[in-house]
Amino acid sequence: MLTFNDNKAGMSGLDKERINKIIESNTSGNYSNFSKKQQDRINEKTESIKKRLQAVSPAEWSRAEKEMDELAARLECHRDLRRDCVHIDMDAYFAAVEMRDDPSLRTVPMAIGTSSML
């Protein structure tokens, strides 16, 4: 079930119950059916994996563990730690800057980015 999350800037004071009713009335049938089918697929796949794992002998399990240890060792030899990769999500920063520059934005819903992102 989708619900409204009012823990975002500008969302305080909104009628959460009314908004949740609107979301439920517009999505309940389609979303519920989709969710049930998706959960059924997940359960089916989980059961299939469990059955396959139960059929594995201790010797096969041991051999698989050995192969994974060897693979991990080979991969470790090629790992390059000379470079770093950093990802910084700046949405909250840019929102704070905009609210600092225009205090009226503190009480309304807003998004940071271009309109193509919305």
PDB file of N, CA and C in Angstrom:
ATOM      1  N   MET A   1       0.837  -1.185   0.000  1.00  0.00           N
ATOM      2  CA  MET A   1       0.000   0.000   0.000  1.00  0.00           C
ATOM      3  C   MET A   1       0.878   1.244   0.000  1.00  0.00           C
ATOM      4  N   LEU A   2       0.648   2.146  -0.929  1.00  0.00           N
ATOM      5  CA  LEU A   2       1.363   3.412  -0.956  1.00  0.00           C
ATOM      6  C   LEU A   2       0.751   4.348   0.068  1.00  0.00           C
ATOM      7  N   THR A   3       1.587   5.076   0.768  1.00  0.00           N
ATOM      8  CA  THR A   3       1.088   6.074   1.705  1.00  0.00           C
ATOM      9  C   THR A   3       1.833   7.371   1.484  1.00  0.00           C
ATOM     10  N   PHE A   4       1.241   8.433   1.955  1.00  0.00           N
ATOM     11  CA  PHE A   4       1.817   9.762   1.822  1.00  0.00           C
ATOM     12  C   PHE A   4       2.871   9.960   2.900  1.00  0.00           C
ATOM     13  N   ASN A   5       4.031  10.454   2.517  1.00  0.00           N
ATOM     14  CA  ASN A   5       5.108  10.725   3.456  1.00  0.00           C
ATOM     15  C   ASN A   5       5.220  12.233   3.627  1.00  0.00           C
ATOM     16  N   ASP A   6       4.852  12.727   4.802  1.00  0.00           N
ATOM     17  CA  ASP A   6       4.898  14.173   5.029  1.00  0.00           C
ATOM     18  C   ASP A   6       6.169  14.608   5.754  1.00  0.00           C
ATOM     19  N   ASN A   7       7.176  13.753   5.770  1.00  0.00           N
ATOM     20  CA  ASN A   7       8.441  14.088   6.429  1.00  0.00           C
ATOM     21  C   ASN A   7       9.407  14.762   5.467  1.00  0.00           C
ATOM     22  N   LYS A   8       8.903  15.665   4.672  1.00  0.00           N
ATOM     23  CA  LYS A   8       9.736  16.393   3.712  1.00  0.00           C
ATOM     24  C   LYS A   8       9.489  17.886   3.886  1.00  0.00           C
ATOM     25  N   ALA A   9      10.416  18.669   3.405  1.00  0.00           N
ATOM     26  CA  ALA A   9      10.303  20.121   3.536  1.00  0.00           C
ATOM     27  C   ALA A   9       9.003  20.621   2.912  1.00  0.00           C
ATOM     28  N   GLY A  10       8.281  21.456   3.648  1.00  0.00           N
ATOM     29  CA  GLY A  10       7.064  22.064   3.134  1.00  0.00           C
ATOM     30  C   GLY A  10       5.832  21.190   3.236  1.00  0.00           C
ATOM     31  N   MET A  11       5.947  19.992   3.785  1.00  0.00           N
ATOM     32  CA  MET A  11       4.810  19.074   3.839  1.00  0.00           C
ATOM     33  C   MET A  11       4.100  19.086   5.193  1.00  0.00           C
ATOM     34  N   SER A  12       4.643  19.765   6.177  1.00  0.00           N
ATOM     35  CA  SER A  12       4.003  19.766   7.490  1.00  0.00           C
ATOM     36  C   SER A  12       2.689  20.540   7.424  1.00  0.00           C
ATOM     37  N   GLY A  13       1.722  20.084   8.198  1.00  0.00           N
ATOM     38  CA  GLY A  13       0.438  20.759   8.252  1.00  0.00           C
ATOM     39  C   GLY A  13      -0.563  20.304   7.212  1.00  0.00           C
ATOM     40  N   LEU A  14      -0.170  19.416   6.316  1.00  0.00           N
ATOM     41  CA  LEU A  14      -1.105  18.914   5.312  1.00  0.00           C
ATOM     42  C   LEU A  14      -1.981  17.826   5.929  1.00  0.00           C
ATOM     43  N   ASP A  15      -3.174  17.639   5.399  1.00  0.00           N
ATOM     44  CA  ASP A  15      -4.108  16.642   5.907  1.00  0.00           C
ATOM     45  C   ASP A  15      -3.688  15.261   5.401  1.00  0.00           C
ATOM     46  N   LYS A  16      -2.866  14.589   6.188  1.00  0.00           N
ATOM     47  CA  LYS A  16      -2.282  13.308   5.787  1.00  0.00           C
ATOM     48  C   LYS A  16      -3.368  12.249   5.549  1.00  0.00           C
ATOM     49  N   GLU A  17      -4.366  12.212   6.413  1.00  0.00           N
ATOM     50  CA  GLU A  17      -5.436  11.215   6.278  1.00  0.00           C
ATOM     51  C   GLU A  17      -6.202  11.401   4.965  1.00  0.00           C
ATOM     52  N   ARG A  18      -6.536  12.630   4.629  1.00  0.00           N
ATOM     53  CA  ARG A  18      -7.261  12.916   3.378  1.00  0.00           C
ATOM     54  C   ARG A  18      -6.410  12.531   2.165  1.00  0.00           C
ATOM     55  N   ILE A  19      -5.131  12.880   2.211  1.00  0.00           N
ATOM     56  CA  ILE A  19      -4.233  12.563   1.094  1.00  0.00           C
ATOM     57  C   ILE A  19      -4.090  11.052   0.940  1.00  0.00           C
ATOM     58  N   ASN A  20      -3.973  10.331   2.061  1.00  0.00           N
ATOM     59  CA  ASN A  20      -3.879   8.866   1.994  1.00  0.00           C
ATOM     60  C   ASN A  20      -5.144   8.249   1.406  1.00  0.00           C
ATOM     61  N   LYS A  21      -6.320   8.814   1.728  1.00  0.00           N
ATOM     62  CA  LYS A  21      -7.574   8.304   1.158  1.00  0.00           C
ATOM     63  C   LYS A  21      -7.604   8.504  -0.355  1.00  0.00           C
ATOM     64  N   ILE A  22      -7.130   9.655  -0.816  1.00  0.00           N
ATOM     65  CA  ILE A  22      -7.078   9.928  -2.260  1.00  0.00           C
ATOM     66  C   ILE A  22      -6.133   8.947  -2.943  1.00  0.00           C
ATOM     67  N   ILE A  23      -4.967   8.735  -2.349  1.00  0.00           N
ATOM     68  CA  ILE A  23      -4.003   7.781  -2.921  1.00  0.00           C
ATOM     69  C   ILE A  23      -4.616   6.390  -2.974  1.00  0.00           C
ATOM     70  N   GLU A  24      -5.257   5.974  -1.877  1.00  0.00           N
ATOM     71  CA  GLU A  24      -5.854   4.636  -1.822  1.00  0.00           C
ATOM     72  C   GLU A  24      -6.966   4.470  -2.851  1.00  0.00           C
ATOM     73  N   SER A  25      -7.821   5.479  -2.988  1.00  0.00           N
ATOM     74  CA  SER A  25      -8.941   5.351  -3.927  1.00  0.00           C
ATOM     75  C   SER A  25      -8.477   5.326  -5.378  1.00  0.00           C
ATOM     76  N   ASN A  26      -7.359   5.952  -5.664  1.00  0.00           N
ATOM     77  CA  ASN A  26      -6.866   5.996  -7.040  1.00  0.00           C
ATOM     78  C   ASN A  26      -5.909   4.868  -7.396  1.00  0.00           C
ATOM     79  N   THR A  27      -5.392   4.170  -6.396  1.00  0.00           N
ATOM     80  CA  THR A  27      -4.389   3.144  -6.699  1.00  0.00           C
ATOM     81  C   THR A  27      -4.710   1.775  -6.138  1.00  0.00           C
ATOM     82  N   SER A  28      -5.695   1.670  -5.267  1.00  0.00           N
ATOM     83  CA  SER A  28      -5.881   0.426  -4.515  1.00  0.00           C
ATOM     84  C   SER A  28      -6.024  -0.810  -5.390  1.00  0.00           C
ATOM     85  N   GLY A  29      -6.906  -0.813  -6.368  1.00  0.00           N
ATOM     86  CA  GLY A  29      -7.113  -2.009  -7.184  1.00  0.00           C
ATOM     87  C   GLY A  29      -5.896  -2.392  -7.993  1.00  0.00           C
ATOM     88  N   ASN A  30      -5.418  -1.467  -8.779  1.00  0.00           N
ATOM     89  CA  ASN A  30      -4.260  -1.745  -9.628  1.00  0.00           C
ATOM     90  C   ASN A  30      -3.027  -2.071  -8.809  1.00  0.00           C
ATOM     91  N   TYR A  31      -2.770  -1.267  -7.793  1.00  0.00           N
ATOM     92  CA  TYR A  31      -1.565  -1.465  -7.002  1.00  0.00           C
ATOM     93  C   TYR A  31      -1.642  -2.765  -6.213  1.00  0.00           C
ATOM     94  N   SER A  32      -2.816  -3.051  -5.646  1.00  0.00           N
ATOM     95  CA  SER A  32      -2.972  -4.289  -4.875  1.00  0.00           C
ATOM     96  C   SER A  32      -2.764  -5.508  -5.756  1.00  0.00           C
ATOM     97  N   ASN A  33      -3.365  -5.489  -6.946  1.00  0.00           N
ATOM     98  CA  ASN A  33      -3.190  -6.621  -7.869  1.00  0.00           C
ATOM     99  C   ASN A  33      -1.735  -6.771  -8.279  1.00  0.00           C
ATOM    100  N   PHE A  34      -1.097  -5.668  -8.607  1.00  0.00           N
ATOM    101  CA  PHE A  34       0.309  -5.702  -9.001  1.00  0.00           C
ATOM    102  C   PHE A  34       1.164  -6.231  -7.853  1.00  0.00           C
ATOM    103  N   SER A  35       0.921  -5.716  -6.636  1.00  0.00           N
ATOM    104  CA  SER A  35       1.704  -6.144  -5.475  1.00  0.00           C
ATOM    105  C   SER A  35       1.532  -7.627  -5.198  1.00  0.00           C
ATOM    106  N   LYS A  36       0.292  -8.125  -5.319  1.00  0.00           N
ATOM    107  CA  LYS A  36       0.037  -9.544  -5.064  1.00  0.00           C
ATOM    108  C   LYS A  36       0.764 -10.407  -6.091  1.00  0.00           C
ATOM    109  N   LYS A  37       0.676 -10.038  -7.369  1.00  0.00           N
ATOM    110  CA  LYS A  37       1.366 -10.805  -8.411  1.00  0.00           C
ATOM    111  C   LYS A  37       2.878 -10.773  -8.195  1.00  0.00           C
ATOM    112  N   GLN A  38       3.383  -9.611  -7.851  1.00  0.00           N
ATOM    113  CA  GLN A  38       4.822  -9.482  -7.619  1.00  0.00           C
ATOM    114  C   GLN A  38       5.246 -10.342  -6.424  1.00  0.00           C
ATOM    115  N   GLN A  39       4.474 -10.310  -5.343  1.00  0.00           N
ATOM    116  CA  GLN A  39       4.798 -11.116  -4.166  1.00  0.00           C
ATOM    117  C   GLN A  39       4.705 -12.602  -4.480  1.00  0.00           C
ATOM    118  N   ASP A  40       3.715 -12.998  -5.280  1.00  0.00           N
ATOM    119  CA  ASP A  40       3.593 -14.404  -5.689  1.00  0.00           C
ATOM    120  C   ASP A  40       4.820 -14.850  -6.479  1.00  0.00           C
ATOM    121  N   ARG A  41       5.300 -13.995  -7.387  1.00  0.00           N
ATOM    122  CA  ARG A  41       6.513 -14.323  -8.160  1.00  0.00           C
ATOM    123  C   ARG A  41       7.727 -14.461  -7.246  1.00  0.00           C
ATOM    124  N   ILE A  42       7.839 -13.561  -6.289  1.00  0.00           N
ATOM    125  CA  ILE A  42       8.962 -13.614  -5.347  1.00  0.00           C
ATOM    126  C   ILE A  42       8.893 -14.892  -4.521  1.00  0.00           C
ATOM    127  N   ASN A  43       7.696 -15.231  -4.028  1.00  0.00           N
ATOM    128  CA  ASN A  43       7.531 -16.453  -3.231  1.00  0.00           C
ATOM    129  C   ASN A  43       7.869 -17.693  -4.047  1.00  0.00           C
ATOM    130  N   GLU A  44       7.430 -17.710  -5.309  1.00  0.00           N
ATOM    131  CA  GLU A  44       7.716 -18.835  -6.203  1.00  0.00           C
ATOM    132  C   GLU A  44       9.223 -19.008  -6.393  1.00  0.00           C
ATOM    133  N   LYS A  45       9.887 -17.904  -6.664  1.00  0.00           N
ATOM    134  CA  LYS A  45      11.330 -17.948  -6.889  1.00  0.00           C
ATOM    135  C   LYS A  45      12.057 -18.374  -5.616  1.00  0.00           C
ATOM    136  N   THR A  46      11.615 -17.863  -4.473  1.00  0.00           N
ATOM    137  CA  THR A  46      12.226 -18.225  -3.195  1.00  0.00           C
ATOM    138  C   THR A  46      12.095 -19.718  -2.936  1.00  0.00           C
ATOM    139  N   GLU A  47      10.916 -20.261  -3.173  1.00  0.00           N
ATOM    140  CA  GLU A  47      10.705 -21.700  -2.969  1.00  0.00           C
ATOM    141  C   GLU A  47      11.576 -22.521  -3.907  1.00  0.00           C
ATOM    142  N   SER A  48      11.702 -22.072  -5.143  1.00  0.00           N
ATOM    143  CA  SER A  48      12.534 -22.774  -6.116  1.00  0.00           C
ATOM    144  C   SER A  48      13.993 -22.806  -5.655  1.00  0.00           C
ATOM    145  N   ILE A  49      14.483 -21.674  -5.174  1.00  0.00           N
ATOM    146  CA  ILE A  49      15.869 -21.603  -4.696  1.00  0.00           C
ATOM    147  C   ILE A  49      16.051 -22.490  -3.465  1.00  0.00           C
ATOM    148  N   LYS A  50      15.083 -22.464  -2.549  1.00  0.00           N
ATOM    149  CA  LYS A  50      15.173 -23.306  -1.346  1.00  0.00           C
ATOM    150  C   LYS A  50      15.238 -24.784  -1.713  1.00  0.00           C
ATOM    151  N   LYS A  51      14.418 -25.204  -2.683  1.00  0.00           N
ATOM    152  CA  LYS A  51      14.422 -26.611  -3.108  1.00  0.00           C
ATOM    153  C   LYS A  51      15.766 -26.990  -3.704  1.00  0.00           C
ATOM    154  N   ARG A  52      16.329 -26.096  -4.534  1.00  0.00           N
ATOM    155  CA  ARG A  52      17.640 -26.378  -5.130  1.00  0.00           C
ATOM    156  C   ARG A  52      18.711 -26.483  -4.054  1.00  0.00           C
ATOM    157  N   LEU A  53      18.668 -25.600  -3.060  1.00  0.00           N
ATOM    158  CA  LEU A  53      19.668 -25.636  -1.991  1.00  0.00           C
ATOM    159  C   LEU A  53      19.545 -26.897  -1.140  1.00  0.00           C
ATOM    160  N   GLN A  54      18.330 -27.366  -0.916  1.00  0.00           N
ATOM    161  CA  GLN A  54      18.128 -28.585  -0.129  1.00  0.00           C
ATOM    162  C   GLN A  54      18.649 -29.814  -0.856  1.00  0.00           C
ATOM    163  N   ALA A  55      18.708 -29.740  -2.185  1.00  0.00           N
ATOM    164  CA  ALA A  55      19.164 -30.884  -2.978  1.00  0.00           C
ATOM    165  C   ALA A  55      20.689 -30.949  -3.087  1.00  0.00           C
ATOM    166  N   VAL A  56      21.385 -29.915  -2.619  1.00  0.00           N
ATOM    167  CA  VAL A  56      22.847 -29.878  -2.719  1.00  0.00           C
ATOM    168  C   VAL A  56      23.460 -30.776  -1.647  1.00  0.00           C
ATOM    169  N   SER A  57      24.386 -31.624  -2.081  1.00  0.00           N
ATOM    170  CA  SER A  57      25.062 -32.526  -1.134  1.00  0.00           C
ATOM    171  C   SER A  57      26.167 -31.765  -0.398  1.00  0.00           C
ATOM    172  N   PRO A  58      26.592 -32.278   0.756  1.00  0.00           N
ATOM    173  CA  PRO A  58      27.696 -31.631   1.483  1.00  0.00           C
ATOM    174  C   PRO A  58      28.966 -31.518   0.635  1.00  0.00           C
ATOM    175  N   ALA A  59      29.240 -32.505  -0.204  1.00  0.00           N
ATOM    176  CA  ALA A  59      30.429 -32.461  -1.061  1.00  0.00           C
ATOM    177  C   ALA A  59      30.304 -31.327  -2.086  1.00  0.00           C
ATOM    178  N   GLU A  60      29.109 -31.177  -2.678  1.00  0.00           N
ATOM    179  CA  GLU A  60      28.892 -30.094  -3.643  1.00  0.00           C
ATOM    180  C   GLU A  60      29.015 -28.732  -2.957  1.00  0.00           C
ATOM    181  N   TRP A  61      28.475 -28.651  -1.753  1.00  0.00           N
ATOM    182  CA  TRP A  61      28.533 -27.410  -0.988  1.00  0.00           C
ATOM    183  C   TRP A  61      29.993 -27.036  -0.709  1.00  0.00           C
ATOM    184  N   SER A  62      30.770 -28.009  -0.289  1.00  0.00           N
ATOM    185  CA  SER A  62      32.182 -27.792   0.012  1.00  0.00           C
ATOM    186  C   SER A  62      32.950 -27.359  -1.239  1.00  0.00           C
ATOM    187  N   ARG A  63      32.675 -28.025  -2.363  1.00  0.00           N
ATOM    188  CA  ARG A  63      33.340 -27.680  -3.617  1.00  0.00           C
ATOM    189  C   ARG A  63      32.984 -26.249  -4.051  1.00  0.00           C
ATOM    190  N   ALA A  64      31.722 -25.877  -3.900  1.00  0.00           N
ATOM    191  CA  ALA A  64      31.284 -24.528  -4.273  1.00  0.00           C
ATOM    192  C   ALA A  64      31.968 -23.475  -3.398  1.00  0.00           C
ATOM    193  N   GLU A  65      32.081 -23.754  -2.094  1.00  0.00           N
ATOM    194  CA  GLU A  65      32.765 -22.820  -1.199  1.00  0.00           C
ATOM    195  C   GLU A  65      34.227 -22.655  -1.601  1.00  0.00           C
ATOM    196  N   LYS A  66      34.872 -23.765  -1.955  1.00  0.00           N
ATOM    197  CA  LYS A  66      36.279 -23.716  -2.369  1.00  0.00           C
ATOM    198  C   LYS A  66      36.423 -22.888  -3.650  1.00  0.00           C
ATOM    199  N   GLU A  67      35.525 -23.104  -4.612  1.00  0.00           N
ATOM    200  CA  GLU A  67      35.570 -22.340  -5.864  1.00  0.00           C
ATOM    201  C   GLU A  67      35.387 -20.843  -5.599  1.00  0.00           C
ATOM    202  N   MET A  68      34.469 -20.500  -4.700  1.00  0.00           N
ATOM    203  CA  MET A  68      34.232 -19.090  -4.387  1.00  0.00           C
ATOM    204  C   MET A  68      35.439 -18.470  -3.690  1.00  0.00           C
ATOM    205  N   ASP A  69      36.078 -19.221  -2.792  1.00  0.00           N
ATOM    206  CA  ASP A  69      37.280 -18.714  -2.130  1.00  0.00           C
ATOM    207  C   ASP A  69      38.386 -18.455  -3.148  1.00  0.00           C
ATOM    208  N   GLU A  70      38.548 -19.378  -4.110  1.00  0.00           N
ATOM    209  CA  GLU A  70      39.569 -19.209  -5.151  1.00  0.00           C
ATOM    210  C   GLU A  70      39.244 -18.000  -6.033  1.00  0.00           C
ATOM    211  N   LEU A  71      37.975 -17.848  -6.388  1.00  0.00           N
ATOM    212  CA  LEU A  71      37.564 -16.706  -7.206  1.00  0.00           C
ATOM    213  C   LEU A  71      37.815 -15.394  -6.465  1.00  0.00           C
ATOM    214  N   ALA A  72      37.470 -15.356  -5.179  1.00  0.00           N
ATOM    215  CA  ALA A  72      37.689 -14.141  -4.382  1.00  0.00           C
ATOM    216  C   ALA A  72      39.176 -13.801  -4.326  1.00  0.00           C
ATOM    217  N   ALA A  73      40.018 -14.811  -4.182  1.00  0.00           N
ATOM    218  CA  ALA A  73      41.470 -14.576  -4.134  1.00  0.00           C
ATOM    219  C   ALA A  73      41.970 -14.031  -5.472  1.00  0.00           C
ATOM    220  N   ARG A  74      41.478 -14.588  -6.592  1.00  0.00           N
ATOM    221  CA  ARG A  74      41.889 -14.098  -7.916  1.00  0.00           C
ATOM    222  C   ARG A  74      41.445 -12.653  -8.126  1.00  0.00           C
ATOM    223  N   LEU A  75      40.221 -12.347  -7.725  1.00  0.00           N
ATOM    224  CA  LEU A  75      39.714 -10.982  -7.885  1.00  0.00           C
ATOM    225  C   LEU A  75      40.484 -10.001  -7.003  1.00  0.00           C
ATOM    226  N   GLU A  76      40.831 -10.430  -5.807  1.00  0.00           N
ATOM    227  CA  GLU A  76      41.570  -9.571  -4.880  1.00  0.00           C
ATOM    228  C   GLU A  76      42.918  -9.162  -5.469  1.00  0.00           C
ATOM    229  N   CYS A  77      43.543 -10.048  -6.234  1.00  0.00           N
ATOM    230  CA  CYS A  77      44.841  -9.745  -6.857  1.00  0.00           C
ATOM    231  C   CYS A  77      44.730  -8.601  -7.862  1.00  0.00           C
ATOM    232  N   HIS A  78      43.567  -8.424  -8.451  1.00  0.00           N
ATOM    233  CA  HIS A  78      43.384  -7.411  -9.498  1.00  0.00           C
ATOM    234  C   HIS A  78      42.727  -6.127  -8.988  1.00  0.00           C
ATOM    235  N   ARG A  79      42.417  -6.075  -7.704  1.00  0.00           N
ATOM    236  CA  ARG A  79      41.748  -4.898  -7.162  1.00  0.00           C
ATOM    237  C   ARG A  79      42.724  -3.728  -7.102  1.00  0.00           C
ATOM    238  N   ASP A  80      42.285  -2.569  -7.565  1.00  0.00           N
ATOM    239  CA  ASP A  80      43.121  -1.373  -7.608  1.00  0.00           C
ATOM    240  C   ASP A  80      42.597  -0.369  -6.588  1.00  0.00           C
ATOM    241  N   LEU A  81      43.358  -0.161  -5.526  1.00  0.00           N
ATOM    242  CA  LEU A  81      42.931   0.760  -4.471  1.00  0.00           C
ATOM    243  C   LEU A  81      43.618   2.121  -4.575  1.00  0.00           C
ATOM    244  N   ARG A  82      44.227   2.398  -5.728  1.00  0.00           N
ATOM    245  CA  ARG A  82      44.915   3.677  -5.906  1.00  0.00           C
ATOM    246  C   ARG A  82      43.951   4.811  -6.224  1.00  0.00           C
ATOM    247  N   ARG A  83      42.724   4.487  -6.600  1.00  0.00           N
ATOM    248  CA  ARG A  83      41.752   5.516  -6.967  1.00  0.00           C
ATOM    249  C   ARG A  83      40.525   5.410  -6.073  1.00  0.00           C
ATOM    250  N   ASP A  84      39.892   6.540  -5.868  1.00  0.00           N
ATOM    251  CA  ASP A  84      38.658   6.591  -5.086  1.00  0.00           C
ATOM    252  C   ASP A  84      37.532   7.094  -5.972  1.00  0.00           C
ATOM    253  N   CYS A  85      36.345   6.630  -5.689  1.00  0.00           N
ATOM    254  CA  CYS A  85      35.156   7.109  -6.383  1.00  0.00           C
ATOM    255  C   CYS A  85      34.172   7.569  -5.309  1.00  0.00           C
ATOM    256  N   VAL A  86      33.727   8.811  -5.392  1.00  0.00           N
ATOM    257  CA  VAL A  86      32.840   9.369  -4.378  1.00  0.00           C
ATOM    258  C   VAL A  86      31.590   9.912  -5.059  1.00  0.00           C
ATOM    259  N   HIS A  87      30.431   9.585  -4.494  1.00  0.00           N
ATOM    260  CA  HIS A  87      29.161  10.119  -4.988  1.00  0.00           C
ATOM    261  C   HIS A  87      28.548  10.929  -3.850  1.00  0.00           C
ATOM    262  N   ILE A  88      28.213  12.188  -4.123  1.00  0.00           N
ATOM    263  CA  ILE A  88      27.625  13.044  -3.100  1.00  0.00           C
ATOM    264  C   ILE A  88      26.265  13.521  -3.595  1.00  0.00           C
ATOM    265  N   ASP A  89      25.225  13.225  -2.820  1.00  0.00           N
ATOM    266  CA  ASP A  89      23.872  13.665  -3.150  1.00  0.00           C
ATOM    267  C   ASP A  89      23.682  15.051  -2.536  1.00  0.00           C
ATOM    268  N   MET A  90      23.529  16.060  -3.373  1.00  0.00           N
ATOM    269  CA  MET A  90      23.517  17.447  -2.909  1.00  0.00           C
ATOM    270  C   MET A  90      22.121  18.066  -2.840  1.00  0.00           C
ATOM    271  N   ASP A  91      21.058  17.278  -3.034  1.00  0.00           N
ATOM    272  CA  ASP A  91      19.707  17.850  -3.051  1.00  0.00           C
ATOM    273  C   ASP A  91      19.397  18.640  -1.784  1.00  0.00           C
ATOM    274  N   ALA A  92      19.681  18.056  -0.625  1.00  0.00           N
ATOM    275  CA  ALA A  92      19.355  18.730   0.635  1.00  0.00           C
ATOM    276  C   ALA A  92      20.151  20.025   0.778  1.00  0.00           C
ATOM    277  N   TYR A  93      21.387  20.015   0.343  1.00  0.00           N
ATOM    278  CA  TYR A  93      22.213  21.223   0.416  1.00  0.00           C
ATOM    279  C   TYR A  93      21.603  22.339  -0.435  1.00  0.00           C
ATOM    280  N   PHE A  94      21.282  22.012  -1.699  1.00  0.00           N
ATOM    281  CA  PHE A  94      20.736  23.035  -2.587  1.00  0.00           C
ATOM    282  C   PHE A  94      19.365  23.508  -2.105  1.00  0.00           C
ATOM    283  N   ALA A  95      18.573  22.618  -1.524  1.00  0.00           N
ATOM    284  CA  ALA A  95      17.280  23.024  -0.969  1.00  0.00           C
ATOM    285  C   ALA A  95      17.494  23.998   0.186  1.00  0.00           C
ATOM    286  N   ALA A  96      18.472  23.710   1.043  1.00  0.00           N
ATOM    287  CA  ALA A  96      18.756  24.597   2.176  1.00  0.00           C
ATOM    288  C   ALA A  96      19.216  25.971   1.693  1.00  0.00           C
ATOM    289  N   VAL A  97      20.026  26.007   0.650  1.00  0.00           N
ATOM    290  CA  VAL A  97      20.486  27.287   0.095  1.00  0.00           C
ATOM    291  C   VAL A  97      19.294  28.083  -0.434  1.00  0.00           C
ATOM    292  N   GLU A  98      18.400  27.417  -1.172  1.00  0.00           N
ATOM    293  CA  GLU A  98      17.227  28.114  -1.713  1.00  0.00           C
ATOM    294  C   GLU A  98      16.327  28.622  -0.593  1.00  0.00           C
ATOM    295  N   MET A  99      16.148  27.819   0.473  1.00  0.00           N
ATOM    296  CA  MET A  99      15.312  28.255   1.601  1.00  0.00           C
ATOM    297  C   MET A  99      15.970  29.406   2.356  1.00  0.00           C
ATOM    298  N   ARG A 100      17.294  29.400   2.423  1.00  0.00           N
ATOM    299  CA  ARG A 100      18.005  30.519   3.057  1.00  0.00           C
ATOM    300  C   ARG A 100      17.780  31.804   2.264  1.00  0.00           C
ATOM    301  N   ASP A 101      17.880  31.699   0.945  1.00  0.00           N
ATOM    302  CA  ASP A 101      17.736  32.874   0.087  1.00  0.00           C
ATOM    303  C   ASP A 101      16.290  33.339  -0.033  1.00  0.00           C
ATOM    304  N   ASP A 102      15.335  32.411   0.079  1.00  0.00           N
ATOM    305  CA  ASP A 102      13.913  32.751  -0.041  1.00  0.00           C
ATOM    306  C   ASP A 102      13.148  32.013   1.057  1.00  0.00           C
ATOM    307  N   PRO A 103      13.014  32.620   2.254  1.00  0.00           N
ATOM    308  CA  PRO A 103      12.370  31.953   3.391  1.00  0.00           C
ATOM    309  C   PRO A 103      10.943  31.470   3.123  1.00  0.00           C
ATOM    310  N   SER A 104      10.251  32.025   2.129  1.00  0.00           N
ATOM    311  CA  SER A 104       8.885  31.571   1.838  1.00  0.00           C
ATOM    312  C   SER A 104       8.868  30.119   1.358  1.00  0.00           C
ATOM    313  N   LEU A 105       9.996  29.625   0.890  1.00  0.00           N
ATOM    314  CA  LEU A 105      10.065  28.232   0.425  1.00  0.00           C
ATOM    315  C   LEU A 105      10.044  27.232   1.578  1.00  0.00           C
ATOM    316  N   ARG A 106      10.232  27.711   2.803  1.00  0.00           N
ATOM    317  CA  ARG A 106      10.275  26.808   3.958  1.00  0.00           C
ATOM    318  C   ARG A 106       8.923  26.178   4.267  1.00  0.00           C
ATOM    319  N   THR A 107       7.853  26.756   3.761  1.00  0.00           N
ATOM    320  CA  THR A 107       6.513  26.271   4.121  1.00  0.00           C
ATOM    321  C   THR A 107       5.762  25.665   2.946  1.00  0.00           C
ATOM    322  N   VAL A 108       6.438  25.457   1.829  1.00  0.00           N
ATOM    323  CA  VAL A 108       5.767  24.884   0.657  1.00  0.00           C
ATOM    324  C   VAL A 108       6.554  23.680   0.143  1.00  0.00           C
ATOM    325  N   PRO A 109       5.863  22.734  -0.499  1.00  0.00           N
ATOM    326  CA  PRO A 109       6.593  21.609  -1.104  1.00  0.00           C
ATOM    327  C   PRO A 109       7.503  22.119  -2.213  1.00  0.00           C
ATOM    328  N   MET A 110       8.694  21.562  -2.308  1.00  0.00           N
ATOM    329  CA  MET A 110       9.588  21.973  -3.393  1.00  0.00           C
ATOM    330  C   MET A 110      10.470  20.812  -3.806  1.00  0.00           C
ATOM    331  N   ALA A 111      11.000  20.940  -5.011  1.00  0.00           N
ATOM    332  CA  ALA A 111      11.912  19.931  -5.546  1.00  0.00           C
ATOM    333  C   ALA A 111      13.133  20.653  -6.088  1.00  0.00           C
ATOM    334  N   ILE A 112      14.247  19.964  -6.071  1.00  0.00           N
ATOM    335  CA  ILE A 112      15.497  20.526  -6.579  1.00  0.00           C
ATOM    336  C   ILE A 112      15.862  19.779  -7.853  1.00  0.00           C
ATOM    337  N   GLY A 113      16.169  20.511  -8.900  1.00  0.00           N
ATOM    338  CA  GLY A 113      16.550  19.888 -10.165  1.00  0.00           C
ATOM    339  C   GLY A 113      15.830  20.570 -11.311  1.00  0.00           C
ATOM    340  N   THR A 114      15.893  19.948 -12.461  1.00  0.00           N
ATOM    341  CA  THR A 114      15.201  20.497 -13.622  1.00  0.00           C
ATOM    342  C   THR A 114      13.814  19.887 -13.717  1.00  0.00           C
ATOM    343  N   SER A 115      12.942  20.502 -14.500  1.00  0.00           N
ATOM    344  CA  SER A 115      11.579  19.980 -14.629  1.00  0.00           C
ATOM    345  C   SER A 115      11.563  18.608 -15.296  1.00  0.00           C
ATOM    346  N   SER A 116      12.600  18.264 -16.041  1.00  0.00           N
ATOM    347  CA  SER A 116      12.631  16.938 -16.673  1.00  0.00           C
ATOM    348  C   SER A 116      12.824  15.828 -15.644  1.00  0.00           C
ATOM    349  N   MET A 117      13.276  16.186 -14.442  1.00  0.00           N
ATOM    350  CA  MET A 117      13.459  15.194 -13.385  1.00  0.00           C
ATOM    351  C   MET A 117      12.155  14.896 -12.659  1.00  0.00           C
ATOM    352  N   LEU A 118      11.187  15.774 -12.773  1.00  0.00           N
ATOM    353  CA  LEU A 118       9.944  15.633 -12.008  1.00  0.00           C
ATOM    354  C   LEU A 118       8.942  14.759 -12.703  1.00  0.00           C
TER     355      LEU A 118
END
